[in-house]
Protein backbone atom coordinates (compact mmCIF):
# COMPACT_ATOMS: atom_id res chain seq x y z
CA UNK A 1 -1.80 22.74 2.76
CA UNK A 2 1.14 20.45 3.48
CA UNK A 3 3.97 21.46 5.78
CA UNK A 4 6.42 19.36 3.81
CA UNK A 5 9.57 20.85 2.35
CA UNK A 6 8.50 22.38 -1.01
CA UNK A 7 11.82 21.35 -2.49
CA UNK A 8 10.65 17.75 -2.25
CA UNK A 9 13.71 16.72 -0.25
CA UNK A 10 13.50 13.22 1.15
CA UNK A 11 15.80 10.89 2.99
CA UNK A 12 17.51 8.26 0.87
CA UNK A 13 15.82 4.86 0.99
CA UNK A 14 17.53 2.48 -1.41
CA UNK A 15 14.77 -0.12 -1.28
CA UNK A 16 12.08 2.46 -1.96
CA UNK A 17 13.95 4.04 -4.87
CA UNK A 18 14.60 0.61 -6.36
CA UNK A 19 10.88 -0.14 -6.11
CA UNK A 20 9.83 3.15 -7.72
CA UNK A 21 12.17 2.48 -10.64
CA UNK A 22 10.73 -1.03 -10.98
CA UNK A 23 7.14 0.26 -10.92
CA UNK A 24 7.91 2.84 -13.62
CA UNK A 25 9.69 0.22 -15.72
CA UNK A 26 6.61 -2.04 -15.55
CA UNK A 27 4.21 0.78 -16.41
CA UNK A 28 2.57 0.32 -13.01
CA UNK A 29 3.52 3.87 -12.04
CA UNK A 30 2.52 6.29 -14.77
CA UNK A 31 2.55 10.03 -15.26
CA UNK A 32 -0.15 12.10 -16.93
CA UNK A 33 -3.58 13.14 -15.69
CA UNK A 34 -5.69 10.72 -13.64
CA UNK A 35 -8.81 11.20 -11.53
CA UNK A 36 -8.55 9.80 -8.00
CA UNK A 37 -11.37 8.37 -5.87
CA UNK A 38 -11.45 11.71 -4.07
CA UNK A 39 -12.11 13.48 -7.38
CA UNK A 40 -8.66 15.06 -7.57
CA UNK A 41 -6.72 15.23 -10.83
CA UNK A 42 -3.47 13.48 -10.01
CA UNK A 43 -0.34 13.75 -12.18
CA UNK A 44 0.56 10.13 -11.42
CA UNK A 45 -1.23 6.83 -11.07
CA UNK A 46 -0.23 3.54 -9.45
CA UNK A 47 -1.99 0.46 -10.84
CA UNK A 48 -0.82 -2.70 -9.07
CA UNK A 49 -2.98 -4.78 -11.41
CA UNK A 50 -0.23 -4.33 -14.01
CA UNK A 51 2.14 -6.50 -12.01
CA UNK A 52 0.58 -9.10 -14.27
CA UNK A 53 3.11 -11.79 -15.06
CA UNK A 54 5.13 -14.26 -13.03
CA UNK A 55 8.41 -12.36 -13.08
CA UNK A 56 6.82 -9.06 -12.05
CA UNK A 57 4.82 -10.66 -9.26
CA UNK A 58 7.93 -12.47 -8.03
CA UNK A 59 9.89 -9.22 -7.80
CA UNK A 60 6.94 -7.45 -6.18
CA UNK A 61 6.74 -10.16 -3.51
CA UNK A 62 10.46 -9.71 -2.87
CA UNK A 63 9.95 -5.99 -2.28
CA UNK A 64 7.08 -6.63 0.13
CA UNK A 65 9.06 -9.27 2.03
CA UNK A 66 12.17 -7.12 2.27
CA UNK A 67 10.22 -4.11 3.58
CA UNK A 68 8.22 -6.16 6.09
CA UNK A 69 11.29 -7.93 7.47
CA UNK A 70 13.19 -4.65 7.53
CA UNK A 71 10.35 -2.98 9.47
CA UNK A 72 10.59 -5.46 12.34
CA UNK A 73 6.79 -5.72 12.52
CA UNK A 74 5.77 -8.85 14.41
CA UNK A 75 2.91 -10.92 12.96
CA UNK A 76 1.57 -14.45 12.99
CA UNK A 77 -0.21 -14.64 9.65
CA UNK A 78 -1.06 -12.71 6.48
CA UNK A 79 -4.50 -11.61 5.27
CA UNK A 80 -5.15 -10.47 1.68
CA UNK A 81 -8.40 -8.51 1.27
CA UNK A 82 -10.35 -9.05 -1.95
CA UNK A 83 -9.47 -8.44 -4.63
CA UNK A 84 -5.97 -7.08 -5.20
CA UNK A 85 -4.81 -8.19 -1.77
CA UNK A 86 -5.36 -11.84 -2.66
CA UNK A 87 -2.50 -12.31 -5.16
CA UNK A 88 -0.32 -9.91 -3.17
CA UNK A 89 -0.77 -11.89 0.04
CA UNK A 90 -0.30 -15.23 -1.69
CA UNK A 91 2.89 -14.11 -3.41
CA UNK A 92 4.19 -12.61 -0.18
CA UNK A 93 3.80 -15.76 1.93
CA UNK A 94 5.54 -17.80 -0.78
CA UNK A 95 8.47 -15.36 -0.72
CA UNK A 96 8.54 -15.32 3.09
CA UNK A 97 8.65 -19.14 3.10
CA UNK A 98 11.54 -19.02 0.63
CA UNK A 99 13.33 -16.77 3.11
CA UNK A 100 12.70 -19.21 5.97
CA UNK A 101 9.60 -17.60 7.48
CA UNK A 102 6.59 -19.85 6.86
CA UNK A 103 3.31 -18.23 7.97
CA UNK A 104 -0.39 -19.01 7.36
CA UNK A 105 -2.38 -17.06 4.76
CA UNK A 106 -6.08 -16.25 4.39
CA UNK A 107 -8.23 -14.07 2.17
CA UNK A 108 -11.88 -13.14 1.83
CA UNK A 109 -14.54 -13.27 -0.84
CA UNK A 110 -16.79 -10.33 -1.63
CA UNK A 111 -19.82 -12.62 -1.49
CA UNK A 112 -20.38 -15.54 0.85
CA UNK A 113 -20.67 -19.07 -0.57
CA UNK A 114 -23.73 -21.07 0.35
CA UNK A 115 -22.12 -24.42 -0.52
CA UNK A 116 -18.89 -26.26 0.26
CA UNK A 117 -17.16 -24.71 3.24
CA UNK A 118 -19.40 -21.64 2.89
CA UNK A 119 -18.72 -18.20 4.32
CA UNK A 120 -16.48 -15.44 3.05
CA UNK A 121 -13.08 -16.58 4.39
CA UNK A 122 -10.69 -18.87 2.54
CA UNK A 123 -7.41 -20.36 3.70
CA UNK A 124 -5.96 -20.62 7.18
CA UNK A 125 -8.15 -19.73 10.18
CA UNK A 126 -7.64 -16.13 11.25
CA UNK A 127 -5.68 -16.21 14.52
CA UNK A 128 -3.07 -14.24 16.41
CA UNK A 129 -1.57 -11.00 15.08
CA UNK A 130 -2.70 -10.48 11.51
CA UNK A 131 -0.76 -8.53 8.86
CA UNK A 132 -3.00 -7.10 6.12
CA UNK A 133 -1.40 -6.73 2.68
CA UNK A 134 -2.77 -4.41 -0.01
CA UNK A 135 -1.55 -2.16 -2.82
CA UNK A 136 -2.43 1.41 -1.77
CA UNK A 137 -4.60 3.03 0.87
CA UNK A 138 -6.97 5.73 -0.37
CA UNK A 139 -9.57 6.26 2.35
CA UNK A 140 -8.86 3.43 4.77
CA UNK A 141 -12.23 1.84 3.93
CA UNK A 142 -10.73 -1.49 2.86
CA UNK A 143 -8.63 -1.63 6.04
CA UNK A 144 -11.68 -0.99 8.23
CA UNK A 145 -13.50 -3.83 6.45
CA UNK A 146 -10.50 -6.11 7.00
CA UNK A 147 -10.38 -5.15 10.67
CA UNK A 148 -14.05 -6.06 11.11
CA UNK A 149 -13.46 -9.43 9.44
CA UNK A 150 -10.39 -10.18 11.54
CA UNK A 151 -11.98 -9.14 14.84
CA UNK A 152 -15.13 -11.13 14.08
CA UNK A 153 -12.93 -14.21 13.69
CA UNK A 154 -11.35 -13.63 17.10
CA UNK A 155 -7.94 -12.53 15.78
CA UNK A 156 -6.00 -9.27 16.21
CA UNK A 157 -5.66 -6.78 13.32
CA UNK A 158 -2.07 -5.81 13.99
CA UNK A 159 -0.42 -4.19 10.97
CA UNK A 160 -0.78 -3.22 7.31
CA UNK A 161 1.77 -3.29 4.50
CA UNK A 162 1.10 -1.41 1.25
CA UNK A 163 3.14 -0.83 -1.88
CA UNK A 164 2.82 2.95 -2.11
CA UNK A 165 1.92 5.60 0.46
CA UNK A 166 0.65 8.61 -1.51
CA UNK A 167 1.08 10.78 1.63
CA UNK A 168 -1.87 12.94 0.65
CA UNK A 169 -4.78 14.31 2.61
CA UNK A 170 -7.71 11.97 3.09
CA UNK A 171 -11.29 13.12 2.62
CA UNK A 172 -14.18 12.89 5.06
CA UNK A 173 -17.73 13.76 4.00
CA UNK A 174 -16.33 15.28 0.82
CA UNK A 175 -13.89 17.58 2.62
CA UNK A 176 -10.10 17.40 2.82
CA UNK A 177 -8.60 16.59 6.23
CA UNK A 178 -4.97 17.34 7.21
CA UNK A 179 -4.00 13.70 7.72
CA UNK A 180 -3.58 10.84 5.27
CA UNK A 181 -5.39 7.50 5.23
CA UNK A 182 -2.19 5.88 6.50
CA UNK A 183 -2.00 8.31 9.41
CA UNK A 184 -5.67 7.64 10.19
CA UNK A 185 -5.04 3.90 10.36
CA UNK A 186 -2.01 4.45 12.58
CA UNK A 187 -3.51 7.03 14.95
CA UNK A 188 -7.20 6.17 15.06
CA UNK A 189 -7.21 2.43 14.43
CA UNK A 190 -3.97 1.74 16.31
CA UNK A 191 -2.32 -0.38 13.61
CA UNK A 192 1.26 -0.28 12.43
CA UNK A 193 1.69 0.58 8.74
CA UNK A 194 4.68 0.09 6.50
CA UNK A 195 4.97 0.99 2.82
CA UNK A 196 7.53 -0.16 0.28
CA UNK A 197 7.72 3.41 -1.01
CA UNK A 198 6.16 6.82 -0.35
CA UNK A 199 5.48 9.94 -2.38
CA UNK A 200 8.68 11.37 -0.87
CA UNK A 201 10.59 8.55 -2.56
CA UNK A 202 8.85 9.20 -5.87
CA UNK A 203 9.94 12.83 -5.64
CA UNK A 204 13.50 11.73 -4.91
CA UNK A 205 13.39 9.48 -7.97
CA UNK A 206 12.17 12.36 -10.17
CA UNK A 207 14.73 14.78 -8.77
CA UNK A 208 17.50 12.39 -9.68
CA UNK A 209 16.71 13.11 -13.34
CA UNK A 210 14.40 10.16 -13.97
CA UNK A 211 11.33 12.20 -14.93
CA UNK A 212 10.13 11.63 -18.49
CA UNK A 213 9.77 15.40 -18.69
CA UNK A 214 10.39 18.46 -16.56
CA UNK A 215 6.63 19.05 -16.73
CA UNK A 216 5.90 15.71 -15.01
CA UNK A 217 8.24 16.65 -12.20
CA UNK A 218 6.70 20.11 -11.84
CA UNK A 219 3.15 18.76 -11.76
CA UNK A 220 3.90 16.09 -9.13
CA UNK A 221 5.60 18.73 -6.98
CA UNK A 222 2.62 21.08 -7.33
CA UNK A 223 0.19 18.28 -6.48
CA UNK A 224 2.11 17.42 -3.35
CA UNK A 225 2.23 21.08 -2.31
CA UNK A 226 -1.56 21.27 -2.63
CA UNK A 227 -2.71 17.91 -1.31
CA UNK A 228 0.18 16.56 0.75
CA UNK A 229 -0.73 15.50 4.27
CA UNK A 230 1.08 17.07 7.19
CA UNK A 231 3.94 14.82 8.23
CA UNK A 232 5.15 14.08 11.72
């Protein structure tokens, strides 16, 4: 059970609320009934694959860049894990360059090539402090795989930036644990994590009268009360 305020109160974060509104507008953030990887029936679903045209991807990259620069996280290059992290990372480094911060970018393949340059890595050599970019973090599995790749290349897995932090309990061996995947990455893997928006911000958005129905708001609130990770 979460120790969060059942009223859903959250601190105002203008960037996060702007992003939530954008995600809803694009149909990326939807309300209804969706089964998560953990087998839970969630009243909302975030599908970053629907940022699927140039204008949407441009705005998404702006949100990532703004949050990363606002966070003050130091990094030397960006890594986009296959598959969704590849376009996210590419779009981000283009936007960072537009803002005067030009950094190298690399990504991985799921399967190694046995011709050409070979291997699983594409782009700049992994070096220095690496920022991993992805959409959401469910169990931290993708981050652990990225860490292994980065360490094997002799670089430092330093931080992660995601679009949405669901702030819900992770699962281990089929059982709920009191911390989220984000908290696991921060506490156990020692990496900094920043998110453009969190479930708290989604609740703030709904409480401002933006819910398609009162039922959607009620169901998201009930889901958070049941599965929300302990904060702090």
